[in-house]
Amino acid sequence: MNDRISHGVFLWSPGSRLPHQATLIYDPADPFAVAINFQSPSGKTSGITWRFARELLVDAVELDQAGGQGDVLVEPSADGSISIVLYPQTNCVPLQMRRESAAFFLALTYAAVRVGEEAERIDWDAELAQVLGGAA
């Protein structure tokens, strides 16, 4: 059974009038993470996927706080939207999404795995085996 949650959203770059269609993804088998997938313009490939902590969305949407460091930053914006800044190598890709879209997606993830219960969903023996190169 595939419990993966997908939610289509529109993102926009500051100063741009054209939205980018993307999909927010949550897999209860990887309960601490969310992903955002950008389809390729041709639609023939899955495009680019960025994974980051679900907690970053929680911080921005529910606590009205910025979160993240390194490759992904998520923060509330003054206009009420959520700002997601991606840092692929040397450039910066600033994007924004409606807070309501992010909140709806989070509600879907909470229905699958409640906050505080993430660790119970992880197969720790399998994780250890992967770290040890298959020998647990």
Protein backbone atom coordinates (compact mmCIF):
# COMPACT_ATOMS: atom_id res chain seq x y z
CA MET A 1 0.00 0.00 0.00
CA ASN A 2 1.34 3.41 -0.98
CA ASP A 3 0.64 5.94 1.78
CA ARG A 4 2.57 8.69 0.00
CA ILE A 5 0.83 12.06 0.04
CA SER A 6 1.07 14.42 -2.93
CA HIS A 7 -0.34 17.93 -3.07
CA GLY A 8 -0.03 20.18 -6.11
CA VAL A 9 0.92 23.78 -5.42
CA PHE A 10 1.83 26.90 -7.34
CA LEU A 11 5.03 28.71 -6.45
CA TRP A 12 6.23 32.01 -7.74
CA SER A 13 9.53 33.82 -7.83
CA PRO A 14 9.60 37.33 -6.41
CA GLY A 15 9.21 39.77 -9.30
CA SER A 16 7.73 37.13 -11.63
CA ARG A 17 4.11 36.91 -12.65
CA LEU A 18 4.32 33.36 -13.93
CA PRO A 19 3.71 30.64 -11.34
CA HIS A 20 5.68 27.41 -11.27
CA GLN A 21 3.68 24.25 -10.75
CA ALA A 22 5.17 21.89 -8.19
CA THR A 23 4.14 18.97 -6.02
CA LEU A 24 4.67 18.71 -2.28
CA ILE A 25 5.29 15.09 -1.28
CA TYR A 26 5.24 13.29 2.06
CA ASP A 27 6.13 9.64 2.53
CA PRO A 28 5.29 8.22 5.99
CA ALA A 29 8.18 5.77 5.55
CA ASP A 30 10.49 8.82 5.77
CA PRO A 31 8.44 10.70 8.38
CA PHE A 32 10.78 13.58 9.19
CA ALA A 33 11.08 14.74 5.57
CA VAL A 34 8.96 16.41 2.94
CA ALA A 35 9.87 16.93 -0.68
CA ILE A 36 9.01 19.41 -3.38
CA ASN A 37 9.11 18.21 -6.97
CA PHE A 38 9.35 20.52 -9.96
CA GLN A 39 8.17 18.87 -13.16
CA SER A 40 10.37 19.21 -16.20
CA PRO A 41 8.97 21.65 -18.79
CA SER A 42 8.46 18.79 -21.25
CA GLY A 43 6.67 16.64 -18.66
CA LYS A 44 8.66 13.64 -19.88
CA THR A 45 10.78 13.34 -16.74
CA SER A 46 10.05 13.74 -13.07
CA GLY A 47 12.10 16.93 -12.94
CA ILE A 48 13.96 18.03 -9.83
CA THR A 49 13.11 17.06 -6.27
CA TRP A 50 14.32 18.83 -3.13
CA ARG A 51 13.97 17.08 0.25
CA PHE A 52 13.96 18.94 3.54
CA ALA A 53 12.69 18.61 7.10
CA ARG A 54 8.91 18.74 7.62
CA GLU A 55 9.74 20.80 10.69
CA LEU A 56 10.84 23.70 8.46
CA LEU A 57 7.31 24.01 7.07
CA VAL A 58 5.87 23.67 10.57
CA ASP A 59 8.11 26.49 11.83
CA ALA A 60 7.08 28.85 9.01
CA VAL A 61 3.36 28.00 8.84
CA GLU A 62 2.43 27.39 12.47
CA LEU A 63 5.10 29.16 14.53
CA ASP A 64 5.67 32.09 12.15
CA GLN A 65 9.44 31.49 12.40
CA ALA A 66 12.23 31.05 9.88
CA GLY A 67 13.95 27.71 9.78
CA GLY A 68 16.73 25.91 7.98
CA GLN A 69 20.31 26.43 7.10
CA GLY A 70 22.41 25.26 4.23
CA ASP A 71 20.54 24.20 1.09
CA VAL A 72 16.96 25.05 2.10
CA LEU A 73 15.56 27.97 4.07
CA VAL A 74 11.83 28.32 4.82
CA GLU A 75 10.33 31.41 6.40
CA PRO A 76 7.11 33.35 6.65
CA SER A 77 6.95 36.43 4.41
CA ALA A 78 5.56 39.85 5.28
CA ASP A 79 2.78 39.41 2.68
CA GLY A 80 1.46 36.29 4.43
CA SER A 81 3.02 33.77 2.05
CA ILE A 82 5.74 31.24 2.79
CA SER A 83 9.19 31.82 1.33
CA ILE A 84 11.29 28.82 0.33
CA VAL A 85 14.85 29.56 -0.72
CA LEU A 86 16.80 26.79 -2.43
CA TYR A 87 20.58 26.96 -2.78
CA PRO A 88 21.72 24.68 -5.59
CA GLN A 89 25.51 24.99 -5.52
CA THR A 90 26.33 28.69 -6.07
CA ASN A 91 22.97 30.23 -6.99
CA CYS A 92 19.90 30.99 -4.95
CA VAL A 93 16.34 30.18 -6.04
CA PRO A 94 13.80 32.19 -4.03
CA LEU A 95 10.22 30.92 -4.27
CA GLN A 96 6.99 31.69 -2.48
CA MET A 97 3.79 29.74 -1.88
CA ARG A 98 0.47 30.50 -0.32
CA ARG A 99 0.49 29.83 3.41
CA GLU A 100 -2.91 28.14 3.07
CA SER A 101 -1.48 25.60 0.60
CA ALA A 102 1.37 24.75 2.95
CA ALA A 103 -1.02 24.50 5.93
CA PHE A 104 -3.34 22.16 4.00
CA PHE A 105 -0.40 19.95 3.04
CA LEU A 106 0.82 19.84 6.65
CA ALA A 107 -2.66 18.79 7.80
CA LEU A 108 -2.48 15.88 5.34
CA THR A 109 0.91 14.84 6.71
CA TYR A 110 -0.35 15.02 10.30
CA ALA A 111 -3.19 12.67 9.41
CA ALA A 112 -0.56 10.17 8.25
CA VAL A 113 2.02 10.70 11.02
CA ARG A 114 1.42 12.98 13.98
CA VAL A 115 4.16 15.28 15.20
CA GLY A 116 6.16 13.46 17.86
CA GLU A 117 5.40 10.00 16.43
CA GLU A 118 7.86 10.14 13.52
CA ALA A 119 10.53 7.97 15.18
CA GLU A 120 8.00 5.18 15.71
CA ARG A 121 7.58 4.88 11.93
CA ILE A 122 11.24 4.30 11.14
CA ASP A 123 12.62 0.80 10.67
CA TRP A 124 15.76 1.36 12.75
CA ASP A 125 17.23 -2.07 11.96
CA ALA A 126 17.00 -1.36 8.24
CA GLU A 127 18.53 2.11 8.73
CA LEU A 128 21.42 0.63 10.72
CA ALA A 129 21.97 -2.05 8.08
CA GLN A 130 22.14 0.63 5.40
CA VAL A 131 24.67 2.65 7.39
CA LEU A 132 26.78 -0.46 7.98
CA GLY A 133 26.67 -1.42 4.33
CA GLY A 134 24.07 -4.14 4.67
CA ALA A 135 25.50 -5.88 7.75
CA ALA A 136 23.49 -5.17 10.87
